[in-house]
């Protein structure tokens, strides 16, 4: 594997340019080179850091994009996101642990509730009652406003 000095990612040996940043500053990856693992939100980055520490893997967290502002056109990137780096020698183990963590986090997510489709007659009845209630509410507001206006006219002797 080759190591990119510019973006700290690894790529295949046969490439002449980094596929991430298009740099030609590639060299053979050394065991102690910190390589880019992934981008993560603050919560996930903290969980990854704890998991790696438990398993004896050193890691570094840096602001995503080396502190440059997140691109405005990418809604997936938050200003608080972190880049996670691990030593090259631990890269595969770190990838496996990260994948296991993501599977665990997906299993912990609450399932979306599925709503039953209402029968057609019941749906029409609910819609009709909602329309009647809305009309009555509007009528009540109009009558209340009219009564308040009459009271104010009588109070000031305008009527």
N, C-alpha and C. Protein backbone atom coordinates (compact mmCIF):
# COMPACT_ATOMS: atom_id res chain seq x y z
N UNK A 1 0.84 -1.18 0.00
CA UNK A 1 0.00 0.00 0.00
C UNK A 1 0.89 1.25 0.00
N UNK A 2 0.37 2.28 -0.63
CA UNK A 2 1.07 3.56 -0.68
C UNK A 2 0.38 4.56 0.24
N UNK A 3 1.18 5.46 0.78
CA UNK A 3 0.72 6.48 1.71
C UNK A 3 0.80 7.84 1.03
N UNK A 4 -0.27 8.62 1.13
CA UNK A 4 -0.26 9.97 0.56
C UNK A 4 0.17 10.95 1.65
N UNK A 5 1.25 11.67 1.39
CA UNK A 5 1.75 12.64 2.37
C UNK A 5 0.81 13.82 2.54
N UNK A 6 0.02 14.10 1.53
CA UNK A 6 -0.85 15.28 1.58
C UNK A 6 -2.12 15.04 2.40
N UNK A 7 -2.84 13.93 2.15
CA UNK A 7 -4.12 13.73 2.83
C UNK A 7 -4.09 12.56 3.82
N UNK A 8 -2.97 11.89 3.95
CA UNK A 8 -2.77 10.78 4.90
C UNK A 8 -3.65 9.57 4.62
N UNK A 9 -4.08 9.40 3.38
CA UNK A 9 -4.84 8.20 3.05
C UNK A 9 -3.92 7.16 2.42
N UNK A 10 -4.42 5.95 2.32
CA UNK A 10 -3.65 4.88 1.68
C UNK A 10 -4.35 4.49 0.40
N UNK A 11 -3.55 4.02 -0.57
CA UNK A 11 -4.10 3.58 -1.84
C UNK A 11 -3.28 2.41 -2.37
N UNK A 12 -3.75 1.84 -3.43
CA UNK A 12 -3.10 0.67 -4.03
C UNK A 12 -1.71 1.02 -4.55
N UNK A 13 -0.85 0.01 -4.61
CA UNK A 13 0.54 0.21 -5.03
C UNK A 13 0.69 0.65 -6.48
N UNK A 14 -0.22 0.25 -7.35
CA UNK A 14 -0.06 0.53 -8.78
C UNK A 14 -0.45 1.96 -9.17
N UNK A 15 -1.03 2.72 -8.27
CA UNK A 15 -1.46 4.08 -8.59
C UNK A 15 -0.30 5.07 -8.52
N UNK A 16 -0.37 6.08 -9.37
CA UNK A 16 0.66 7.12 -9.39
C UNK A 16 0.17 8.41 -8.74
N UNK A 17 -1.14 8.52 -8.56
CA UNK A 17 -1.73 9.69 -7.92
C UNK A 17 -2.74 9.21 -6.88
N UNK A 18 -2.87 10.00 -5.82
CA UNK A 18 -3.82 9.68 -4.77
C UNK A 18 -5.25 9.83 -5.31
N UNK A 19 -6.10 8.84 -5.13
CA UNK A 19 -7.48 8.95 -5.63
C UNK A 19 -8.31 9.96 -4.83
N UNK A 20 -7.88 10.34 -3.63
CA UNK A 20 -8.64 11.28 -2.81
C UNK A 20 -8.31 12.74 -3.11
N UNK A 21 -7.03 13.05 -3.21
CA UNK A 21 -6.63 14.47 -3.36
C UNK A 21 -5.87 14.73 -4.66
N UNK A 22 -5.63 13.69 -5.44
CA UNK A 22 -4.94 13.80 -6.73
C UNK A 22 -3.47 14.21 -6.59
N UNK A 23 -2.90 14.04 -5.41
CA UNK A 23 -1.50 14.38 -5.20
C UNK A 23 -0.61 13.27 -5.75
N UNK A 24 0.57 13.64 -6.17
CA UNK A 24 1.53 12.62 -6.61
C UNK A 24 2.59 12.36 -5.54
N UNK A 25 2.36 12.84 -4.32
CA UNK A 25 3.31 12.65 -3.22
C UNK A 25 3.01 11.34 -2.50
N UNK A 26 3.21 10.24 -3.20
CA UNK A 26 2.95 8.92 -2.64
C UNK A 26 4.26 8.23 -2.31
N UNK A 27 4.25 7.44 -1.25
CA UNK A 27 5.40 6.62 -0.88
C UNK A 27 4.86 5.37 -0.22
N UNK A 28 5.74 4.42 -0.01
CA UNK A 28 5.34 3.17 0.64
C UNK A 28 4.89 3.48 2.07
N UNK A 29 3.77 2.90 2.45
CA UNK A 29 3.23 3.15 3.80
C UNK A 29 4.09 2.44 4.84
N UNK A 30 4.45 3.18 5.90
CA UNK A 30 5.21 2.62 7.02
C UNK A 30 4.24 2.23 8.13
N UNK A 31 4.64 1.30 8.97
CA UNK A 31 3.74 0.81 10.02
C UNK A 31 3.28 1.91 10.98
N UNK A 32 4.10 2.90 11.24
CA UNK A 32 3.75 3.94 12.20
C UNK A 32 3.10 5.17 11.57
N UNK A 33 2.87 5.15 10.26
CA UNK A 33 2.18 6.27 9.61
C UNK A 33 0.72 6.29 10.08
N UNK A 34 0.27 7.46 10.51
CA UNK A 34 -1.15 7.60 10.84
C UNK A 34 -1.91 7.82 9.54
N UNK A 35 -2.83 6.92 9.24
CA UNK A 35 -3.59 6.98 8.00
C UNK A 35 -5.04 7.31 8.29
N UNK A 36 -5.67 7.93 7.32
CA UNK A 36 -7.07 8.34 7.44
C UNK A 36 -7.96 7.11 7.43
N UNK A 37 -8.78 6.99 8.47
CA UNK A 37 -9.73 5.88 8.53
C UNK A 37 -11.09 6.31 8.00
N UNK A 38 -11.64 7.40 8.56
CA UNK A 38 -12.96 7.86 8.13
C UNK A 38 -13.31 9.19 8.77
N UNK A 39 -14.40 9.78 8.28
CA UNK A 39 -14.99 10.98 8.89
C UNK A 39 -16.12 10.50 9.79
N UNK A 40 -16.28 11.13 10.96
CA UNK A 40 -17.33 10.73 11.89
C UNK A 40 -17.84 11.95 12.63
N UNK A 41 -19.11 11.88 13.03
CA UNK A 41 -19.64 12.96 13.86
C UNK A 41 -18.99 12.85 15.24
N UNK A 42 -19.18 13.87 16.06
CA UNK A 42 -18.49 13.94 17.36
C UNK A 42 -18.83 12.73 18.22
N UNK A 43 -20.09 12.35 18.27
CA UNK A 43 -20.52 11.22 19.10
C UNK A 43 -19.86 9.92 18.63
N UNK A 44 -19.93 9.64 17.34
CA UNK A 44 -19.35 8.41 16.80
C UNK A 44 -17.84 8.42 16.95
N UNK A 45 -17.20 9.57 16.73
CA UNK A 45 -15.75 9.66 16.88
C UNK A 45 -15.34 9.34 18.31
N UNK A 46 -16.10 9.83 19.29
CA UNK A 46 -15.81 9.52 20.69
C UNK A 46 -15.97 8.04 20.98
N UNK A 47 -17.01 7.43 20.43
CA UNK A 47 -17.20 5.98 20.63
C UNK A 47 -16.08 5.19 19.96
N UNK A 48 -15.66 5.62 18.77
CA UNK A 48 -14.55 4.94 18.09
C UNK A 48 -13.27 5.06 18.89
N UNK A 49 -13.02 6.25 19.41
CA UNK A 49 -11.81 6.46 20.20
C UNK A 49 -11.79 5.56 21.43
N UNK A 50 -12.92 5.45 22.12
CA UNK A 50 -13.01 4.56 23.28
C UNK A 50 -12.83 3.10 22.90
N UNK A 51 -13.44 2.69 21.80
CA UNK A 51 -13.33 1.31 21.33
C UNK A 51 -11.89 0.98 20.94
N UNK A 52 -11.24 1.90 20.26
CA UNK A 52 -9.85 1.67 19.86
C UNK A 52 -8.94 1.60 21.09
N UNK A 53 -9.17 2.46 22.06
CA UNK A 53 -8.36 2.45 23.28
C UNK A 53 -8.52 1.12 24.01
N UNK A 54 -9.75 0.60 24.08
CA UNK A 54 -10.00 -0.69 24.72
C UNK A 54 -9.23 -1.82 24.03
N UNK A 55 -9.06 -1.71 22.72
CA UNK A 55 -8.41 -2.77 21.95
C UNK A 55 -6.95 -2.47 21.65
N UNK A 56 -6.37 -1.48 22.32
CA UNK A 56 -4.95 -1.21 22.19
C UNK A 56 -4.55 -0.56 20.88
N UNK A 57 -5.48 0.13 20.24
CA UNK A 57 -5.17 0.82 18.99
C UNK A 57 -5.10 2.31 19.29
N UNK A 58 -3.98 2.90 18.93
CA UNK A 58 -3.82 4.34 19.11
C UNK A 58 -4.60 5.04 17.99
N UNK A 59 -5.19 6.17 18.29
CA UNK A 59 -5.89 6.92 17.24
C UNK A 59 -5.77 8.41 17.51
N UNK A 60 -5.98 9.18 16.45
CA UNK A 60 -5.99 10.64 16.55
C UNK A 60 -7.28 11.14 15.94
N UNK A 61 -7.86 12.13 16.59
CA UNK A 61 -9.05 12.79 16.06
C UNK A 61 -8.66 14.22 15.72
N UNK A 62 -8.97 14.65 14.52
CA UNK A 62 -8.68 16.01 14.08
C UNK A 62 -9.94 16.59 13.47
N UNK A 63 -10.06 17.91 13.47
CA UNK A 63 -11.23 18.51 12.79
C UNK A 63 -11.26 18.07 11.33
N UNK A 64 -12.44 17.76 10.83
CA UNK A 64 -12.57 17.31 9.45
C UNK A 64 -12.10 18.41 8.51
N UNK A 65 -11.35 18.05 7.51
CA UNK A 65 -10.85 19.02 6.54
C UNK A 65 -9.73 19.87 7.08
N UNK A 66 -9.06 19.39 8.14
CA UNK A 66 -7.93 20.09 8.76
C UNK A 66 -8.31 21.50 9.20
N UNK A 67 -9.54 21.63 9.72
CA UNK A 67 -9.98 22.90 10.27
C UNK A 67 -10.58 23.87 9.28
N UNK A 68 -10.51 23.53 7.98
CA UNK A 68 -11.15 24.41 6.99
C UNK A 68 -12.65 24.32 7.16
N UNK A 69 -13.41 25.37 6.82
CA UNK A 69 -14.86 25.31 6.97
C UNK A 69 -15.45 24.23 6.08
N UNK A 70 -16.50 23.59 6.56
CA UNK A 70 -17.17 22.54 5.79
C UNK A 70 -17.80 23.15 4.55
N UNK A 71 -17.78 22.44 3.43
CA UNK A 71 -18.37 22.99 2.21
C UNK A 71 -19.87 23.21 2.40
N UNK A 72 -20.36 24.33 1.92
CA UNK A 72 -21.77 24.67 2.10
C UNK A 72 -22.68 23.77 1.28
N UNK A 73 -22.19 23.24 0.18
CA UNK A 73 -23.03 22.44 -0.70
C UNK A 73 -23.17 20.99 -0.22
N UNK A 74 -22.40 20.57 0.76
CA UNK A 74 -22.46 19.18 1.24
C UNK A 74 -23.21 19.14 2.56
N UNK A 75 -24.49 18.76 2.51
CA UNK A 75 -25.32 18.75 3.73
C UNK A 75 -24.94 17.62 4.67
N UNK A 76 -24.12 16.68 4.22
CA UNK A 76 -23.72 15.56 5.08
C UNK A 76 -22.59 15.96 6.03
N UNK A 77 -21.87 17.02 5.73
CA UNK A 77 -20.71 17.41 6.52
C UNK A 77 -21.12 18.48 7.53
N UNK A 78 -20.82 18.23 8.79
CA UNK A 78 -21.10 19.19 9.86
C UNK A 78 -19.79 19.84 10.29
N UNK A 79 -19.82 21.07 10.79
CA UNK A 79 -18.58 21.73 11.22
C UNK A 79 -17.90 21.02 12.39
N UNK A 80 -18.65 20.20 13.12
CA UNK A 80 -18.08 19.50 14.28
C UNK A 80 -17.54 18.12 13.94
N UNK A 81 -17.64 17.69 12.69
CA UNK A 81 -17.16 16.36 12.30
C UNK A 81 -15.67 16.23 12.53
N UNK A 82 -15.25 14.99 12.76
CA UNK A 82 -13.84 14.69 13.03
C UNK A 82 -13.31 13.71 11.98
N UNK A 83 -12.03 13.85 11.69
CA UNK A 83 -11.32 12.86 10.88
C UNK A 83 -10.63 11.92 11.86
N UNK A 84 -10.78 10.63 11.63
CA UNK A 84 -10.19 9.62 12.51
C UNK A 84 -8.97 9.02 11.80
N UNK A 85 -7.84 9.05 12.48
CA UNK A 85 -6.58 8.51 11.95
C UNK A 85 -6.08 7.40 12.87
N UNK A 86 -5.55 6.34 12.28
CA UNK A 86 -4.98 5.22 13.04
C UNK A 86 -3.64 4.84 12.42
N UNK A 87 -2.75 4.19 13.18
CA UNK A 87 -1.48 3.73 12.57
C UNK A 87 -1.77 2.70 11.47
N UNK A 88 -0.95 2.74 10.42
CA UNK A 88 -1.15 1.84 9.29
C UNK A 88 -1.16 0.38 9.71
N UNK A 89 -0.33 0.04 10.69
CA UNK A 89 -0.25 -1.37 11.11
C UNK A 89 -1.57 -1.85 11.71
N UNK A 90 -2.39 -0.93 12.24
CA UNK A 90 -3.66 -1.30 12.87
C UNK A 90 -4.87 -0.98 11.99
N UNK A 91 -4.64 -0.61 10.74
CA UNK A 91 -5.72 -0.15 9.88
C UNK A 91 -6.82 -1.19 9.70
N UNK A 92 -6.47 -2.42 9.38
CA UNK A 92 -7.50 -3.43 9.11
C UNK A 92 -8.29 -3.75 10.37
N UNK A 93 -7.62 -3.86 11.52
CA UNK A 93 -8.32 -4.12 12.77
C UNK A 93 -9.25 -2.94 13.11
N UNK A 94 -8.78 -1.72 12.87
CA UNK A 94 -9.60 -0.53 13.13
C UNK A 94 -10.82 -0.52 12.22
N UNK A 95 -10.66 -0.90 10.96
CA UNK A 95 -11.80 -0.97 10.03
C UNK A 95 -12.82 -2.00 10.52
N UNK A 96 -12.34 -3.15 10.97
CA UNK A 96 -13.25 -4.19 11.46
C UNK A 96 -14.00 -3.72 12.70
N UNK A 97 -13.30 -3.08 13.63
CA UNK A 97 -13.94 -2.58 14.84
C UNK A 97 -14.95 -1.48 14.52
N UNK A 98 -14.61 -0.59 13.59
CA UNK A 98 -15.54 0.47 13.20
C UNK A 98 -16.79 -0.12 12.56
N UNK A 99 -16.62 -1.11 11.71
CA UNK A 99 -17.78 -1.76 11.07
C UNK A 99 -18.67 -2.42 12.12
N UNK A 100 -18.06 -3.07 13.11
CA UNK A 100 -18.84 -3.70 14.18
C UNK A 100 -19.59 -2.64 14.99
N UNK A 101 -18.95 -1.52 15.26
CA UNK A 101 -19.60 -0.43 16.00
C UNK A 101 -20.80 0.10 15.22
N UNK A 102 -20.65 0.30 13.91
CA UNK A 102 -21.76 0.81 13.11
C UNK A 102 -22.91 -0.19 13.07
N UNK A 103 -22.60 -1.49 13.00
CA UNK A 103 -23.68 -2.49 13.04
C UNK A 103 -24.41 -2.43 14.37
N UNK A 104 -23.67 -2.27 15.46
CA UNK A 104 -24.26 -2.16 16.79
C UNK A 104 -25.13 -0.90 16.90
N UNK A 105 -24.65 0.20 16.36
CA UNK A 105 -25.41 1.45 16.42
C UNK A 105 -26.69 1.35 15.59
N UNK A 106 -26.63 0.66 14.45
CA UNK A 106 -27.83 0.47 13.64
C UNK A 106 -28.86 -0.38 14.36
N UNK A 107 -28.39 -1.40 15.08
CA UNK A 107 -29.31 -2.27 15.81
C UNK A 107 -29.96 -1.52 16.97
N UNK A 108 -29.27 -0.53 17.54
CA UNK A 108 -29.81 0.24 18.67
C UNK A 108 -30.81 1.31 18.23
N UNK A 109 -30.80 1.67 16.95
CA UNK A 109 -31.71 2.72 16.49
C UNK A 109 -33.15 2.24 16.59
N UNK A 110 -34.04 3.12 17.06
CA UNK A 110 -35.45 2.72 17.14
C UNK A 110 -36.03 2.55 15.74
N UNK A 111 -36.86 1.57 15.58
CA UNK A 111 -37.50 1.32 14.29
C UNK A 111 -38.60 2.34 14.08
N UNK A 112 -38.80 2.73 12.84
CA UNK A 112 -39.86 3.67 12.53
C UNK A 112 -41.20 2.97 12.68
N UNK A 113 -42.15 3.71 13.24
CA UNK A 113 -43.48 3.15 13.40
C UNK A 113 -44.16 3.08 12.05
N UNK A 114 -44.85 1.98 11.83
CA UNK A 114 -45.63 1.85 10.61
C UNK A 114 -47.08 2.11 10.96
N UNK A 115 -47.70 3.00 10.22
CA UNK A 115 -49.08 3.34 10.46
C UNK A 115 -49.98 2.46 9.61
N UNK A 116 -51.10 2.07 10.21
CA UNK A 116 -52.06 1.28 9.45
C UNK A 116 -52.80 2.20 8.50
N UNK A 117 -53.05 1.70 7.33
CA UNK A 117 -53.82 2.48 6.37
C UNK A 117 -55.28 2.45 6.80
N UNK A 118 -55.87 3.62 6.92
CA UNK A 118 -57.24 3.74 7.39
C UNK A 118 -58.20 3.28 6.29
N UNK A 119 -59.27 2.56 6.65
CA UNK A 119 -60.25 2.19 5.63
C UNK A 119 -60.84 3.44 4.98
N UNK A 120 -61.27 3.31 3.74
CA UNK A 120 -61.72 4.46 2.94
C UNK A 120 -62.89 5.18 3.60
N UNK A 121 -63.89 4.47 4.07
CA UNK A 121 -65.06 5.11 4.69
C UNK A 121 -64.68 5.89 5.94
N UNK A 122 -63.82 5.29 6.73
CA UNK A 122 -63.41 5.95 7.96
C UNK A 122 -62.61 7.21 7.64
N UNK A 123 -61.74 7.13 6.62
CA UNK A 123 -60.93 8.28 6.23
C UNK A 123 -61.83 9.43 5.75
N UNK A 124 -62.88 9.10 4.95
CA UNK A 124 -63.80 10.13 4.47
C UNK A 124 -64.56 10.76 5.62
N UNK A 125 -64.99 9.94 6.59
CA UNK A 125 -65.70 10.45 7.76
C UNK A 125 -64.81 11.39 8.57
N UNK A 126 -63.57 11.01 8.79
CA UNK A 126 -62.63 11.84 9.56
C UNK A 126 -62.38 13.16 8.81
N UNK A 127 -62.22 13.11 7.51
CA UNK A 127 -62.00 14.32 6.73
C UNK A 127 -63.23 15.25 6.78
N UNK A 128 -64.43 14.68 6.67
CA UNK A 128 -65.65 15.48 6.72
C UNK A 128 -65.81 16.14 8.09
N UNK A 129 -65.59 15.37 9.16
CA UNK A 129 -65.71 15.93 10.51
C UNK A 129 -64.65 17.01 10.75
N UNK A 130 -63.45 16.82 10.22
CA UNK A 130 -62.40 17.82 10.35
C UNK A 130 -62.78 19.11 9.63
N UNK A 131 -63.38 18.99 8.44
CA UNK A 131 -63.80 20.17 7.69
C UNK A 131 -64.91 20.92 8.43
N UNK A 132 -65.89 20.18 8.98
CA UNK A 132 -66.97 20.81 9.74
C UNK A 132 -66.42 21.50 10.98
N UNK A 133 -65.51 20.85 11.71
CA UNK A 133 -64.93 21.46 12.90
C UNK A 133 -64.15 22.72 12.53
N UNK A 134 -63.45 22.71 11.40
CA UNK A 134 -62.70 23.89 10.95
C UNK A 134 -63.65 25.04 10.63
N UNK A 135 -64.73 24.75 9.93
CA UNK A 135 -65.71 25.79 9.59
C UNK A 135 -66.33 26.37 10.85
N UNK A 136 -66.69 25.51 11.82
CA UNK A 136 -67.25 26.00 13.08
C UNK A 136 -66.26 26.87 13.83
N UNK A 137 -65.00 26.52 13.81
CA UNK A 137 -63.97 27.31 14.48
C UNK A 137 -63.83 28.68 13.83
N UNK A 138 -63.86 28.72 12.50
CA UNK A 138 -63.78 30.00 11.79
C UNK A 138 -65.01 30.85 12.10
N UNK A 139 -66.20 30.24 12.12
CA UNK A 139 -67.42 30.98 12.45
C UNK A 139 -67.35 31.55 13.87
N UNK A 140 -66.87 30.77 14.80
CA UNK A 140 -66.74 31.22 16.18
C UNK A 140 -65.78 32.41 16.27
N UNK A 141 -64.67 32.35 15.53
CA UNK A 141 -63.72 33.46 15.54
C UNK A 141 -64.34 34.71 14.94
N UNK A 142 -65.10 34.58 13.86
CA UNK A 142 -65.74 35.73 13.23
C UNK A 142 -66.78 36.35 14.16
N UNK A 143 -67.63 35.52 14.77
CA UNK A 143 -68.66 36.03 15.69
C UNK A 143 -68.02 36.70 16.91
N UNK A 144 -66.94 36.13 17.42
CA UNK A 144 -66.27 36.72 18.58
C UNK A 144 -65.66 38.07 18.21
N UNK A 145 -65.06 38.16 17.03
CA UNK A 145 -64.48 39.42 16.58
C UNK A 145 -65.56 40.47 16.37
N UNK A 146 -66.72 40.06 15.80
CA UNK A 146 -67.84 40.97 15.59
C UNK A 146 -68.38 41.48 16.92
N UNK A 147 -68.52 40.57 17.89
CA UNK A 147 -69.03 40.97 19.21
C UNK A 147 -68.04 41.92 19.89
N UNK A 148 -66.76 41.65 19.78
CA UNK A 148 -65.75 42.53 20.39
C UNK A 148 -65.77 43.90 19.73
N UNK A 149 -65.94 43.95 18.41
CA UNK A 149 -66.00 45.23 17.70
C UNK A 149 -67.23 46.02 18.13
N UNK A 150 -68.39 45.34 18.27
CA UNK A 150 -69.62 46.01 18.74
C UNK A 150 -69.47 46.54 20.14
N UNK A 151 -68.83 45.77 21.01
CA UNK A 151 -68.63 46.20 22.39
C UNK A 151 -67.73 47.44 22.43
N UNK A 152 -66.65 47.44 21.64
CA UNK A 152 -65.74 48.59 21.59
C UNK A 152 -66.45 49.83 21.02
N UNK A 153 -67.31 49.65 20.00
CA UNK A 153 -68.05 50.78 19.45
C UNK A 153 -68.98 51.37 20.51
N UNK A 154 -69.66 50.49 21.25
CA UNK A 154 -70.57 50.96 22.32
C UNK A 154 -69.80 51.63 23.44
N UNK A 155 -68.62 51.14 23.74
CA UNK A 155 -67.79 51.69 24.81
C UNK A 155 -67.34 53.12 24.49
N UNK A 156 -67.03 53.34 23.23
CA UNK A 156 -66.54 54.67 22.85
C UNK A 156 -67.62 55.53 22.19
N UNK A 157 -68.83 55.02 22.14
CA UNK A 157 -69.96 55.80 21.62
C UNK A 157 -69.88 56.04 20.13
N UNK A 158 -69.33 55.09 19.37
CA UNK A 158 -69.19 55.24 17.93
C UNK A 158 -70.35 54.62 17.19
N UNK A 159 -71.20 53.83 17.83
CA UNK A 159 -72.21 53.07 17.13
C UNK A 159 -73.57 53.58 17.13
